[in-house]
Amino acid sequence: MTQQVLGSGRTTSAESFWYILGCIAFGASYFAKVPAKKALSEYGLAEMTGAERFWYVVMNIAFGSGYLSKVITKKALSEVGRTGSGAMRAESAA
């Protein structure tokens, strides 16, 4: 498996195709991405656009689904440094 560094990773052609197809289907892929990007932004690893911030608020109004999805991603991110993963090694090399 190829190691990727945050911010410089690339999606394969197949991944891009399925993401676009998912976005066409009522924006499902886009809406699934928003809580993960919120979690990344809280770690200072990404910046949300105005549209993403808007949809995150809308998702929270809808039974807190955006927040609950974000919590899962943020928990996974909090464990990255403790597992000795490639992300930690790349960070220490910088």
PDB file of N, CA and C in Angstrom:
ATOM      1  N   MET A   1       0.845  -1.177   0.000  1.00  0.00           N
ATOM      2  CA  MET A   1       0.000   0.000   0.000  1.00  0.00           C
ATOM      3  C   MET A   1       0.888   1.238   0.000  1.00  0.00           C
ATOM      4  N   THR A   2       0.572   2.188  -0.846  1.00  0.00           N
ATOM      5  CA  THR A   2       1.340   3.414  -0.964  1.00  0.00           C
ATOM      6  C   THR A   2       1.006   4.357   0.180  1.00  0.00           C
ATOM      7  N   GLN A   3       2.049   4.895   0.811  1.00  0.00           N
ATOM      8  CA  GLN A   3       1.844   5.842   1.900  1.00  0.00           C
ATOM      9  C   GLN A   3       1.541   7.217   1.325  1.00  0.00           C
ATOM     10  N   GLN A   4       0.510   7.873   1.856  1.00  0.00           N
ATOM     11  CA  GLN A   4       0.153   9.214   1.419  1.00  0.00           C
ATOM     12  C   GLN A   4       0.309  10.174   2.579  1.00  0.00           C
ATOM     13  N   VAL A   5       0.646  11.401   2.262  1.00  0.00           N
ATOM     14  CA  VAL A   5       0.763  12.457   3.254  1.00  0.00           C
ATOM     15  C   VAL A   5      -0.450  13.354   3.104  1.00  0.00           C
ATOM     16  N   LEU A   6      -1.023  13.766   4.236  1.00  0.00           N
ATOM     17  CA  LEU A   6      -2.214  14.618   4.171  1.00  0.00           C
ATOM     18  C   LEU A   6      -1.971  15.835   3.299  1.00  0.00           C
ATOM     19  N   GLY A   7      -2.909  16.102   2.423  1.00  0.00           N
ATOM     20  CA  GLY A   7      -2.836  17.260   1.551  1.00  0.00           C
ATOM     21  C   GLY A   7      -2.159  16.996   0.221  1.00  0.00           C
ATOM     22  N   SER A   8      -1.437  15.896   0.104  1.00  0.00           N
ATOM     23  CA  SER A   8      -0.771  15.621  -1.171  1.00  0.00           C
ATOM     24  C   SER A   8      -1.213  14.284  -1.755  1.00  0.00           C
ATOM     25  N   GLY A   9      -2.241  13.684  -1.183  1.00  0.00           N
ATOM     26  CA  GLY A   9      -2.746  12.421  -1.696  1.00  0.00           C
ATOM     27  C   GLY A   9      -3.523  12.617  -2.980  1.00  0.00           C
ATOM     28  N   ARG A  10      -3.631  11.587  -3.726  1.00  0.00           N
ATOM     29  CA  ARG A  10      -4.376  11.626  -4.986  1.00  0.00           C
ATOM     30  C   ARG A  10      -5.420  10.521  -4.976  1.00  0.00           C
ATOM     31  N   THR A  11      -6.528  10.769  -5.631  1.00  0.00           N
ATOM     32  CA  THR A  11      -7.522   9.719  -5.790  1.00  0.00           C
ATOM     33  C   THR A  11      -7.289   9.038  -7.131  1.00  0.00           C
ATOM     34  N   THR A  12      -7.639   7.777  -7.181  1.00  0.00           N
ATOM     35  CA  THR A  12      -7.510   7.049  -8.438  1.00  0.00           C
ATOM     36  C   THR A  12      -8.647   7.479  -9.361  1.00  0.00           C
ATOM     37  N   SER A  13      -8.555   7.093 -10.597  1.00  0.00           N
ATOM     38  CA  SER A  13      -9.623   7.410 -11.550  1.00  0.00           C
ATOM     39  C   SER A  13     -10.942   6.795 -11.106  1.00  0.00           C
ATOM     40  N   ALA A  14     -10.875   5.561 -10.613  1.00  0.00           N
ATOM     41  CA  ALA A  14     -12.093   4.891 -10.144  1.00  0.00           C
ATOM     42  C   ALA A  14     -12.685   5.615  -8.942  1.00  0.00           C
ATOM     43  N   GLU A  15     -11.847   6.054  -8.000  1.00  0.00           N
ATOM     44  CA  GLU A  15     -12.343   6.777  -6.832  1.00  0.00           C
ATOM     45  C   GLU A  15     -13.002   8.090  -7.243  1.00  0.00           C
ATOM     46  N   SER A  16     -12.398   8.805  -8.167  1.00  0.00           N
ATOM     47  CA  SER A  16     -12.981  10.058  -8.664  1.00  0.00           C
ATOM     48  C   SER A  16     -14.331   9.812  -9.331  1.00  0.00           C
ATOM     49  N   PHE A  17     -14.397   8.753 -10.124  1.00  0.00           N
ATOM     50  CA  PHE A  17     -15.642   8.399 -10.802  1.00  0.00           C
ATOM     51  C   PHE A  17     -16.751   8.126  -9.790  1.00  0.00           C
ATOM     52  N   TRP A  18     -16.472   7.293  -8.784  1.00  0.00           N
ATOM     53  CA  TRP A  18     -17.491   6.938  -7.802  1.00  0.00           C
ATOM     54  C   TRP A  18     -17.865   8.118  -6.922  1.00  0.00           C
ATOM     55  N   TYR A  19     -16.926   9.022  -6.645  1.00  0.00           N
ATOM     56  CA  TYR A  19     -17.249  10.218  -5.866  1.00  0.00           C
ATOM     57  C   TYR A  19     -18.218  11.101  -6.647  1.00  0.00           C
ATOM     58  N   ILE A  20     -17.927  11.322  -7.920  1.00  0.00           N
ATOM     59  CA  ILE A  20     -18.811  12.145  -8.756  1.00  0.00           C
ATOM     60  C   ILE A  20     -20.185  11.496  -8.882  1.00  0.00           C
ATOM     61  N   LEU A  21     -20.201  10.182  -9.088  1.00  0.00           N
ATOM     62  CA  LEU A  21     -21.480   9.479  -9.177  1.00  0.00           C
ATOM     63  C   LEU A  21     -22.258   9.610  -7.866  1.00  0.00           C
ATOM     64  N   GLY A  22     -21.547   9.530  -6.735  1.00  0.00           N
ATOM     65  CA  GLY A  22     -22.194   9.704  -5.432  1.00  0.00           C
ATOM     66  C   GLY A  22     -22.721  11.104  -5.227  1.00  0.00           C
ATOM     67  N   CYS A  23     -22.031  12.100  -5.762  1.00  0.00           N
ATOM     68  CA  CYS A  23     -22.503  13.486  -5.645  1.00  0.00           C
ATOM     69  C   CYS A  23     -23.742  13.717  -6.496  1.00  0.00           C
ATOM     70  N   ILE A  24     -23.815  13.062  -7.633  1.00  0.00           N
ATOM     71  CA  ILE A  24     -24.988  13.198  -8.504  1.00  0.00           C
ATOM     72  C   ILE A  24     -26.219  12.627  -7.809  1.00  0.00           C
ATOM     73  N   ALA A  25     -26.030  11.569  -7.039  1.00  0.00           N
ATOM     74  CA  ALA A  25     -27.145  10.936  -6.328  1.00  0.00           C
ATOM     75  C   ALA A  25     -27.488  11.748  -5.080  1.00  0.00           C
ATOM     76  N   PHE A  26     -28.137  12.889  -5.276  1.00  0.00           N
ATOM     77  CA  PHE A  26     -28.598  13.763  -4.194  1.00  0.00           C
ATOM     78  C   PHE A  26     -27.459  14.308  -3.326  1.00  0.00           C
ATOM     79  N   GLY A  27     -26.270  14.395  -3.860  1.00  0.00           N
ATOM     80  CA  GLY A  27     -25.148  14.954  -3.106  1.00  0.00           C
ATOM     81  C   GLY A  27     -24.661  14.085  -1.969  1.00  0.00           C
ATOM     82  N   ALA A  28     -24.964  12.802  -1.996  1.00  0.00           N
ATOM     83  CA  ALA A  28     -24.639  11.908  -0.876  1.00  0.00           C
ATOM     84  C   ALA A  28     -23.153  11.891  -0.556  1.00  0.00           C
ATOM     85  N   SER A  29     -22.300  11.818  -1.542  1.00  0.00           N
ATOM     86  CA  SER A  29     -20.857  11.782  -1.285  1.00  0.00           C
ATOM     87  C   SER A  29     -20.378  13.104  -0.702  1.00  0.00           C
ATOM     88  N   TYR A  30     -20.879  14.201  -1.215  1.00  0.00           N
ATOM     89  CA  TYR A  30     -20.494  15.515  -0.696  1.00  0.00           C
ATOM     90  C   TYR A  30     -20.898  15.647   0.763  1.00  0.00           C
ATOM     91  N   PHE A  31     -22.139  15.260   1.079  1.00  0.00           N
ATOM     92  CA  PHE A  31     -22.617  15.378   2.450  1.00  0.00           C
ATOM     93  C   PHE A  31     -21.882  14.430   3.389  1.00  0.00           C
ATOM     94  N   ALA A  32     -21.420  13.292   2.906  1.00  0.00           N
ATOM     95  CA  ALA A  32     -20.637  12.371   3.735  1.00  0.00           C
ATOM     96  C   ALA A  32     -19.257  12.949   4.026  1.00  0.00           C
ATOM     97  N   LYS A  33     -18.742  13.752   3.118  1.00  0.00           N
ATOM     98  CA  LYS A  33     -17.413  14.348   3.270  1.00  0.00           C
ATOM     99  C   LYS A  33     -17.404  15.490   4.279  1.00  0.00           C
ATOM    100  N   VAL A  34     -18.484  16.224   4.404  1.00  0.00           N
ATOM    101  CA  VAL A  34     -18.521  17.447   5.217  1.00  0.00           C
ATOM    102  C   VAL A  34     -18.151  17.189   6.683  1.00  0.00           C
ATOM    103  N   PRO A  35     -18.736  16.198   7.389  1.00  0.00           N
ATOM    104  CA  PRO A  35     -18.342  15.988   8.791  1.00  0.00           C
ATOM    105  C   PRO A  35     -16.866  15.589   8.946  1.00  0.00           C
ATOM    106  N   ALA A  36     -16.343  14.814   8.007  1.00  0.00           N
ATOM    107  CA  ALA A  36     -14.923  14.440   8.075  1.00  0.00           C
ATOM    108  C   ALA A  36     -14.041  15.670   7.905  1.00  0.00           C
ATOM    109  N   LYS A  37     -14.433  16.550   7.002  1.00  0.00           N
ATOM    110  CA  LYS A  37     -13.651  17.762   6.801  1.00  0.00           C
ATOM    111  C   LYS A  37     -13.739  18.678   8.021  1.00  0.00           C
ATOM    112  N   LYS A  38     -14.879  18.688   8.711  1.00  0.00           N
ATOM    113  CA  LYS A  38     -15.020  19.466   9.945  1.00  0.00           C
ATOM    114  C   LYS A  38     -14.036  18.945  10.998  1.00  0.00           C
ATOM    115  N   ALA A  39     -13.944  17.629  11.118  1.00  0.00           N
ATOM    116  CA  ALA A  39     -13.000  17.036  12.075  1.00  0.00           C
ATOM    117  C   ALA A  39     -11.569  17.420  11.718  1.00  0.00           C
ATOM    118  N   LEU A  40     -11.225  17.347  10.445  1.00  0.00           N
ATOM    119  CA  LEU A  40      -9.885  17.740  10.005  1.00  0.00           C
ATOM    120  C   LEU A  40      -9.621  19.211  10.291  1.00  0.00           C
ATOM    121  N   SER A  41     -10.645  20.050  10.112  1.00  0.00           N
ATOM    122  CA  SER A  41     -10.456  21.480  10.353  1.00  0.00           C
ATOM    123  C   SER A  41     -10.218  21.766  11.833  1.00  0.00           C
ATOM    124  N   GLU A  42     -10.807  20.975  12.707  1.00  0.00           N
ATOM    125  CA  GLU A  42     -10.597  21.171  14.141  1.00  0.00           C
ATOM    126  C   GLU A  42      -9.178  20.788  14.564  1.00  0.00           C
ATOM    127  N   TYR A  43      -8.511  19.978  13.765  1.00  0.00           N
ATOM    128  CA  TYR A  43      -7.108  19.647  14.008  1.00  0.00           C
ATOM    129  C   TYR A  43      -6.172  20.588  13.241  1.00  0.00           C
ATOM    130  N   GLY A  44      -6.729  21.520  12.487  1.00  0.00           N
ATOM    131  CA  GLY A  44      -5.916  22.443  11.712  1.00  0.00           C
ATOM    132  C   GLY A  44      -5.345  21.827  10.450  1.00  0.00           C
ATOM    133  N   LEU A  45      -5.946  20.739   9.982  1.00  0.00           N
ATOM    134  CA  LEU A  45      -5.444  20.044   8.799  1.00  0.00           C
ATOM    135  C   LEU A  45      -6.185  20.403   7.525  1.00  0.00           C
ATOM    136  N   ALA A  46      -7.287  21.128   7.639  1.00  0.00           N
ATOM    137  CA  ALA A  46      -8.074  21.517   6.467  1.00  0.00           C
ATOM    138  C   ALA A  46      -8.852  22.779   6.812  1.00  0.00           C
ATOM    139  N   GLU A  47      -9.299  23.471   5.791  1.00  0.00           N
ATOM    140  CA  GLU A  47     -10.135  24.648   5.984  1.00  0.00           C
ATOM    141  C   GLU A  47     -11.446  24.418   5.252  1.00  0.00           C
ATOM    142  N   MET A  48     -12.547  24.636   5.941  1.00  0.00           N
ATOM    143  CA  MET A  48     -13.857  24.427   5.334  1.00  0.00           C
ATOM    144  C   MET A  48     -14.273  25.654   4.526  1.00  0.00           C
ATOM    145  N   THR A  49     -14.951  25.407   3.419  1.00  0.00           N
ATOM    146  CA  THR A  49     -15.499  26.504   2.623  1.00  0.00           C
ATOM    147  C   THR A  49     -16.778  27.001   3.296  1.00  0.00           C
ATOM    148  N   GLY A  50     -17.268  28.125   2.838  1.00  0.00           N
ATOM    149  CA  GLY A  50     -18.518  28.654   3.367  1.00  0.00           C
ATOM    150  C   GLY A  50     -19.675  27.688   3.149  1.00  0.00           C
ATOM    151  N   ALA A  51     -19.710  27.054   1.992  1.00  0.00           N
ATOM    152  CA  ALA A  51     -20.778  26.093   1.704  1.00  0.00           C
ATOM    153  C   ALA A  51     -20.692  24.893   2.638  1.00  0.00           C
ATOM    154  N   GLU A  52     -19.476  24.417   2.883  1.00  0.00           N
ATOM    155  CA  GLU A  52     -19.317  23.273   3.785  1.00  0.00           C
ATOM    156  C   GLU A  52     -19.740  23.634   5.204  1.00  0.00           C
ATOM    157  N   ARG A  53     -19.405  24.826   5.675  1.00  0.00           N
ATOM    158  CA  ARG A  53     -19.835  25.262   7.008  1.00  0.00           C
ATOM    159  C   ARG A  53     -21.363  25.344   7.079  1.00  0.00           C
ATOM    160  N   PHE A  54     -21.979  25.870   6.013  1.00  0.00           N
ATOM    161  CA  PHE A  54     -23.440  25.964   5.962  1.00  0.00           C
ATOM    162  C   PHE A  54     -24.079  24.581   6.059  1.00  0.00           C
ATOM    163  N   TRP A  55     -23.627  23.651   5.229  1.00  0.00           N
ATOM    164  CA  TRP A  55     -24.227  22.317   5.218  1.00  0.00           C
ATOM    165  C   TRP A  55     -23.953  21.563   6.507  1.00  0.00           C
ATOM    166  N   TYR A  56     -22.817  21.842   7.164  1.00  0.00           N
ATOM    167  CA  TYR A  56     -22.543  21.213   8.457  1.00  0.00           C
ATOM    168  C   TYR A  56     -23.581  21.652   9.489  1.00  0.00           C
ATOM    169  N   VAL A  57     -23.917  22.940   9.487  1.00  0.00           N
ATOM    170  CA  VAL A  57     -24.952  23.441  10.410  1.00  0.00           C
ATOM    171  C   VAL A  57     -26.291  22.797  10.082  1.00  0.00           C
ATOM    172  N   VAL A  58     -26.631  22.724   8.805  1.00  0.00           N
ATOM    173  CA  VAL A  58     -27.903  22.099   8.401  1.00  0.00           C
ATOM    174  C   VAL A  58     -27.939  20.643   8.849  1.00  0.00           C
ATOM    175  N   MET A  59     -26.822  19.928   8.707  1.00  0.00           N
ATOM    176  CA  MET A  59     -26.766  18.525   9.130  1.00  0.00           C
ATOM    177  C   MET A  59     -26.959  18.401  10.641  1.00  0.00           C
ATOM    178  N   ASN A  60     -26.480  19.366  11.398  1.00  0.00           N
ATOM    179  CA  ASN A  60     -26.651  19.322  12.845  1.00  0.00           C
ATOM    180  C   ASN A  60     -28.084  19.611  13.252  1.00  0.00           C
ATOM    181  N   ILE A  61     -28.758  20.446  12.500  1.00  0.00           N
ATOM    182  CA  ILE A  61     -30.170  20.717  12.767  1.00  0.00           C
ATOM    183  C   ILE A  61     -30.981  19.442  12.553  1.00  0.00           C
ATOM    184  N   ALA A  62     -30.572  18.645  11.584  1.00  0.00           N
ATOM    185  CA  ALA A  62     -31.260  17.389  11.274  1.00  0.00           C
ATOM    186  C   ALA A  62     -30.794  16.285  12.234  1.00  0.00           C
ATOM    187  N   PHE A  63     -31.200  16.354  13.466  1.00  0.00           N
ATOM    188  CA  PHE A  63     -30.925  15.341  14.487  1.00  0.00           C
ATOM    189  C   PHE A  63     -29.449  15.194  14.847  1.00  0.00           C
ATOM    190  N   GLY A  64     -28.653  16.204  14.607  1.00  0.00           N
ATOM    191  CA  GLY A  64     -27.242  16.148  14.987  1.00  0.00           C
ATOM    192  C   GLY A  64     -26.413  15.184  14.170  1.00  0.00           C
ATOM    193  N   SER A  65     -26.878  14.816  12.997  1.00  0.00           N
ATOM    194  CA  SER A  65     -26.170  13.813  12.204  1.00  0.00           C
ATOM    195  C   SER A  65     -24.766  14.256  11.807  1.00  0.00           C
ATOM    196  N   GLY A  66     -24.577  15.540  11.521  1.00  0.00           N
ATOM    197  CA  GLY A  66     -23.253  16.037  11.161  1.00  0.00           C
ATOM    198  C   GLY A  66     -22.282  15.905  12.321  1.00  0.00           C
ATOM    199  N   TYR A  67     -22.750  16.283  13.510  1.00  0.00           N
ATOM    200  CA  TYR A  67     -21.889  16.203  14.696  1.00  0.00           C
ATOM    201  C   TYR A  67     -21.522  14.757  15.020  1.00  0.00           C
ATOM    202  N   LEU A  68     -22.504  13.871  14.984  1.00  0.00           N
ATOM    203  CA  LEU A  68     -22.235  12.465  15.316  1.00  0.00           C
ATOM    204  C   LEU A  68     -21.282  11.831  14.314  1.00  0.00           C
ATOM    205  N   SER A  69     -21.397  12.192  13.049  1.00  0.00           N
ATOM    206  CA  SER A  69     -20.467  11.680  12.043  1.00  0.00           C
ATOM    207  C   SER A  69     -19.067  12.242  12.255  1.00  0.00           C
ATOM    208  N   LYS A  70     -18.993  13.511  12.656  1.00  0.00           N
ATOM    209  CA  LYS A  70     -17.698  14.145  12.907  1.00  0.00           C
ATOM    210  C   LYS A  70     -16.985  13.471  14.070  1.00  0.00           C
ATOM    211  N   VAL A  71     -17.718  13.103  15.105  1.00  0.00           N
ATOM    212  CA  VAL A  71     -17.125  12.498  16.297  1.00  0.00           C
ATOM    213  C   VAL A  71     -16.379  11.214  15.932  1.00  0.00           C
ATOM    214  N   ILE A  72     -16.935  10.424  15.052  1.00  0.00           N
ATOM    215  CA  ILE A  72     -16.299   9.165  14.639  1.00  0.00           C
ATOM    216  C   ILE A  72     -14.964   9.449  13.955  1.00  0.00           C
ATOM    217  N   THR A  73     -14.954  10.395  13.034  1.00  0.00           N
ATOM    218  CA  THR A  73     -13.715  10.740  12.327  1.00  0.00           C
ATOM    219  C   THR A  73     -12.691  11.335  13.279  1.00  0.00           C
ATOM    220  N   LYS A  74     -13.154  12.201  14.174  1.00  0.00           N
ATOM    221  CA  LYS A  74     -12.228  12.840  15.107  1.00  0.00           C
ATOM    222  C   LYS A  74     -11.609  11.812  16.054  1.00  0.00           C
ATOM    223  N   LYS A  75     -12.368  10.816  16.466  1.00  0.00           N
ATOM    224  CA  LYS A  75     -11.838   9.748  17.310  1.00  0.00           C
ATOM    225  C   LYS A  75     -10.744   8.986  16.574  1.00  0.00           C
ATOM    226  N   ALA A  76     -10.977   8.687  15.305  1.00  0.00           N
ATOM    227  CA  ALA A  76      -9.968   7.984  14.509  1.00  0.00           C
ATOM    228  C   ALA A  76      -8.711   8.842  14.367  1.00  0.00           C
ATOM    229  N   LEU A  77      -8.875  10.127  14.140  1.00  0.00           N
ATOM    230  CA  LEU A  77      -7.722  11.017  14.016  1.00  0.00           C
ATOM    231  C   LEU A  77      -6.946  11.114  15.326  1.00  0.00           C
ATOM    232  N   SER A  78      -7.644  11.060  16.458  1.00  0.00           N
ATOM    233  CA  SER A  78      -6.967  11.159  17.746  1.00  0.00           C
ATOM    234  C   SER A  78      -6.095   9.940  18.024  1.00  0.00           C
ATOM    235  N   GLU A  79      -6.373   8.830  17.341  1.00  0.00           N
ATOM    236  CA  GLU A  79      -5.611   7.605  17.550  1.00  0.00           C
ATOM    237  C   GLU A  79      -4.460   7.430  16.568  1.00  0.00           C
ATOM    238  N   VAL A  80      -4.349   8.307  15.587  1.00  0.00           N
ATOM    239  CA  VAL A  80      -3.321   8.164  14.555  1.00  0.00           C
ATOM    240  C   VAL A  80      -1.922   8.175  15.145  1.00  0.00           C
ATOM    241  N   GLY A  81      -1.615   9.130  16.005  1.00  0.00           N
ATOM    242  CA  GLY A  81      -0.277   9.243  16.568  1.00  0.00           C
ATOM    243  C   GLY A  81       0.095   8.093  17.468  1.00  0.00           C
ATOM    244  N   ARG A  82      -0.867   7.453  18.099  1.00  0.00           N
ATOM    245  CA  ARG A  82      -0.600   6.374  19.038  1.00  0.00           C
ATOM    246  C   ARG A  82      -0.370   5.041  18.363  1.00  0.00           C
ATOM    247  N   THR A  83      -0.752   4.897  17.100  1.00  0.00           N
ATOM    248  CA  THR A  83      -0.625   3.609  16.445  1.00  0.00           C
ATOM    249  C   THR A  83       0.694   3.448  15.716  1.00  0.00           C
ATOM    250  N   GLY A  84       1.482   4.517  15.642  1.00  0.00           N
ATOM    251  CA  GLY A  84       2.745   4.435  14.913  1.00  0.00           C
ATOM    252  C   GLY A  84       2.531   4.339  13.422  1.00  0.00           C
ATOM    253  N   SER A  85       1.458   4.946  12.932  1.00  0.00           N
ATOM    254  CA  SER A  85       1.114   4.849  11.519  1.00  0.00           C
ATOM    255  C   SER A  85       2.054   5.688  10.673  1.00  0.00           C
ATOM    256  N   GLY A  86       1.901   5.570   9.370  1.00  0.00           N
ATOM    257  CA  GLY A  86       2.719   6.316   8.424  1.00  0.00           C
ATOM    258  C   GLY A  86       2.593   7.817   8.594  1.00  0.00           C
ATOM    259  N   ALA A  87       1.418   8.287   9.015  1.00  0.00           N
ATOM    260  CA  ALA A  87       1.232   9.731   9.208  1.00  0.00           C
ATOM    261  C   ALA A  87       2.155  10.252  10.289  1.00  0.00           C
ATOM    262  N   MET A  88       2.349   9.479  11.336  1.00  0.00           N
ATOM    263  CA  MET A  88       3.230   9.904  12.401  1.00  0.00           C
ATOM    264  C   MET A  88       4.677   9.924  11.917  1.00  0.00           C
ATOM    265  N   ARG A  89       5.091   8.915  11.170  1.00  0.00           N
ATOM    266  CA  ARG A  89       6.452   8.868  10.651  1.00  0.00           C
ATOM    267  C   ARG A  89       6.709  10.022   9.708  1.00  0.00           C
ATOM    268  N   ALA A  90       5.728  10.359   8.859  1.00  0.00           N
ATOM    269  CA  ALA A  90       5.899  11.466   7.919  1.00  0.00           C
ATOM    270  C   ALA A  90       6.021  12.788   8.673  1.00  0.00           C
ATOM    271  N   GLU A  91       5.280  12.920   9.769  1.00  0.00           N
ATOM    272  CA  GLU A  91       5.339  14.142  10.547  1.00  0.00           C
ATOM    273  C   GLU A  91       6.696  14.311  11.214  1.00  0.00           C
ATOM    274  N   SER A  92       7.259  13.233  11.727  1.00  0.00           N
ATOM    275  CA  SER A  92       8.542  13.327  12.401  1.00  0.00           C
ATOM    276  C   SER A  92       9.691  13.549  11.423  1.00  0.00           C
ATOM    277  N   ALA A  93       9.486  13.187  10.161  1.00  0.00           N
ATOM    278  CA  ALA A  93      10.540  13.397   9.141  1.00  0.00           C
ATOM    279  C   ALA A  93      10.604  14.844   8.697  1.00  0.00           C
ATOM    280  N   ALA A  94       9.506  15.585   8.903  1.00  0.00           N
ATOM    281  CA  ALA A  94       9.453  16.984   8.450  1.00  0.00           C
ATOM    282  C   ALA A  94      10.261  17.904   9.316  1.00  0.00           C
TER     283      ALA A  94
END
